[in-house]
Protein backbone atom coordinates (compact mmCIF):
# COMPACT_ATOMS: atom_id res chain seq x y z
CA MET A 1 23.72 28.74 -15.53
CA ALA A 2 20.76 30.97 -14.16
CA HIS A 3 20.70 33.09 -17.81
CA LYS A 4 20.75 29.60 -19.25
CA VAL A 5 17.68 28.46 -16.91
CA ASN A 6 15.86 31.87 -17.60
CA ALA A 7 15.93 31.53 -21.71
CA HIS A 8 14.81 27.70 -21.36
CA LEU A 9 12.17 29.32 -18.92
CA ASP A 10 10.79 31.90 -21.63
CA THR A 11 11.29 29.59 -24.46
CA THR A 12 8.92 27.51 -23.25
CA GLU A 13 6.28 30.00 -22.14
CA TYR A 14 6.74 29.12 -18.38
CA ALA A 15 4.50 31.19 -16.21
CA ALA A 16 4.53 31.07 -12.22
CA GLY A 17 1.23 30.25 -10.63
CA GLU A 18 -0.13 30.43 -7.01
CA SER A 19 -1.56 27.15 -7.31
CA TYR A 20 1.54 25.00 -8.49
CA TRP A 21 5.30 25.47 -7.74
CA SER A 22 8.21 24.18 -10.14
CA ILE A 23 11.59 22.75 -9.57
CA VAL A 24 14.19 23.61 -12.31
CA LEU A 25 16.75 20.45 -12.20
CA ALA A 26 19.35 22.00 -14.60
CA GLY A 27 22.07 19.76 -16.03
CA SER A 28 25.43 20.46 -18.46
CA GLU A 29 22.91 19.67 -21.51
CA THR A 30 19.38 20.02 -20.02
CA ILE A 31 16.88 21.83 -18.30
CA GLU A 32 13.77 20.37 -16.82
CA LEU A 33 10.98 21.59 -14.91
CA VAL A 34 9.06 19.45 -12.35
CA THR A 35 6.01 21.03 -11.33
CA PHE A 36 4.02 20.05 -8.28
CA TRP A 37 0.03 21.39 -7.54
CA ARG A 38 -0.02 22.59 -3.99
CA SER A 39 -3.04 21.45 -1.77
CA SER A 40 -4.47 21.76 1.15
CA GLN A 41 -2.60 18.50 2.53
CA LEU A 42 1.14 19.08 0.37
CA ASP A 43 3.02 22.53 0.25
CA ILE A 44 6.33 24.20 -0.45
CA LEU A 45 7.77 25.71 2.61
CA ALA A 46 10.47 28.17 1.36
CA LYS A 47 13.48 29.08 3.21
CA HIS A 48 12.34 32.44 4.46
CA GLU A 49 9.02 30.84 6.07
CA ILE A 50 10.80 28.55 8.20
CA SER A 51 10.03 29.15 12.07
CA THR A 52 12.22 27.93 14.84
CA LEU A 53 9.73 25.14 15.20
CA ALA A 54 10.07 24.21 11.64
CA ALA A 55 13.39 24.32 11.65
CA ALA A 56 14.02 21.85 14.80
CA MET A 57 12.23 18.80 12.75
CA LEU A 58 14.78 19.73 9.80
CA PRO A 59 17.22 16.59 9.14
CA GLU A 60 20.70 16.69 10.42
CA HIS A 61 23.41 18.47 8.30
CA PHE A 62 20.14 20.13 5.97
CA THR A 63 20.55 23.74 5.11
CA PRO A 64 17.16 25.57 3.76
CA ARG A 65 18.51 27.07 0.60
CA GLY A 66 16.44 28.41 -2.44
CA CYS A 67 19.16 26.71 -5.02
CA ALA A 68 21.42 23.96 -4.28
CA ASP A 69 24.39 22.64 -6.18
CA GLY A 70 23.30 19.12 -7.73
CA ALA A 71 25.96 17.54 -5.64
CA ASN A 72 24.65 18.27 -2.36
CA ALA A 73 20.85 19.43 -3.30
CA ALA A 74 18.28 17.73 -1.52
CA MET A 75 14.48 18.00 -0.33
CA THR A 76 12.93 16.86 2.95
CA LYS A 77 9.33 16.53 4.10
CA ILE A 78 7.99 18.07 7.77
CA GLU A 79 4.67 18.00 9.23
CA LEU A 80 3.42 20.77 10.44
CA GLY A 81 -0.45 20.61 12.22
CA ASP A 82 -2.36 18.82 9.39
CA ARG A 83 -0.48 19.37 6.45
CA THR A 84 2.71 18.06 5.00
CA TYR A 85 5.61 20.81 3.68
CA VAL A 86 8.70 20.25 1.51
CA VAL A 87 11.64 22.21 2.01
CA LEU A 88 14.33 22.60 -0.24
CA GLY A 89 17.69 22.91 0.94
CA GLU A 90 21.32 21.10 0.65
CA ILE A 91 23.53 18.24 2.65
CA ASP A 92 26.69 20.10 4.37
């Protein structure tokens, strides 16, 4: 699947940037890219950035992941300070 996704990103000339983040939705026939703009109120909290405090805020049975199978994929949001963060993962 990674080869298929990377080929799609090459074809569409996708370029990553600091001002946004994107989620790749890969189905058996199609690939879709959903982009979210970062702001002082909304950002993504990557798996490697989750502190003990942030981990305590995650829902029960939610495991942060960089990539998740569609059947178990999930996202949640947490608030730290004055910012809202989206955390990607899966439900176990």
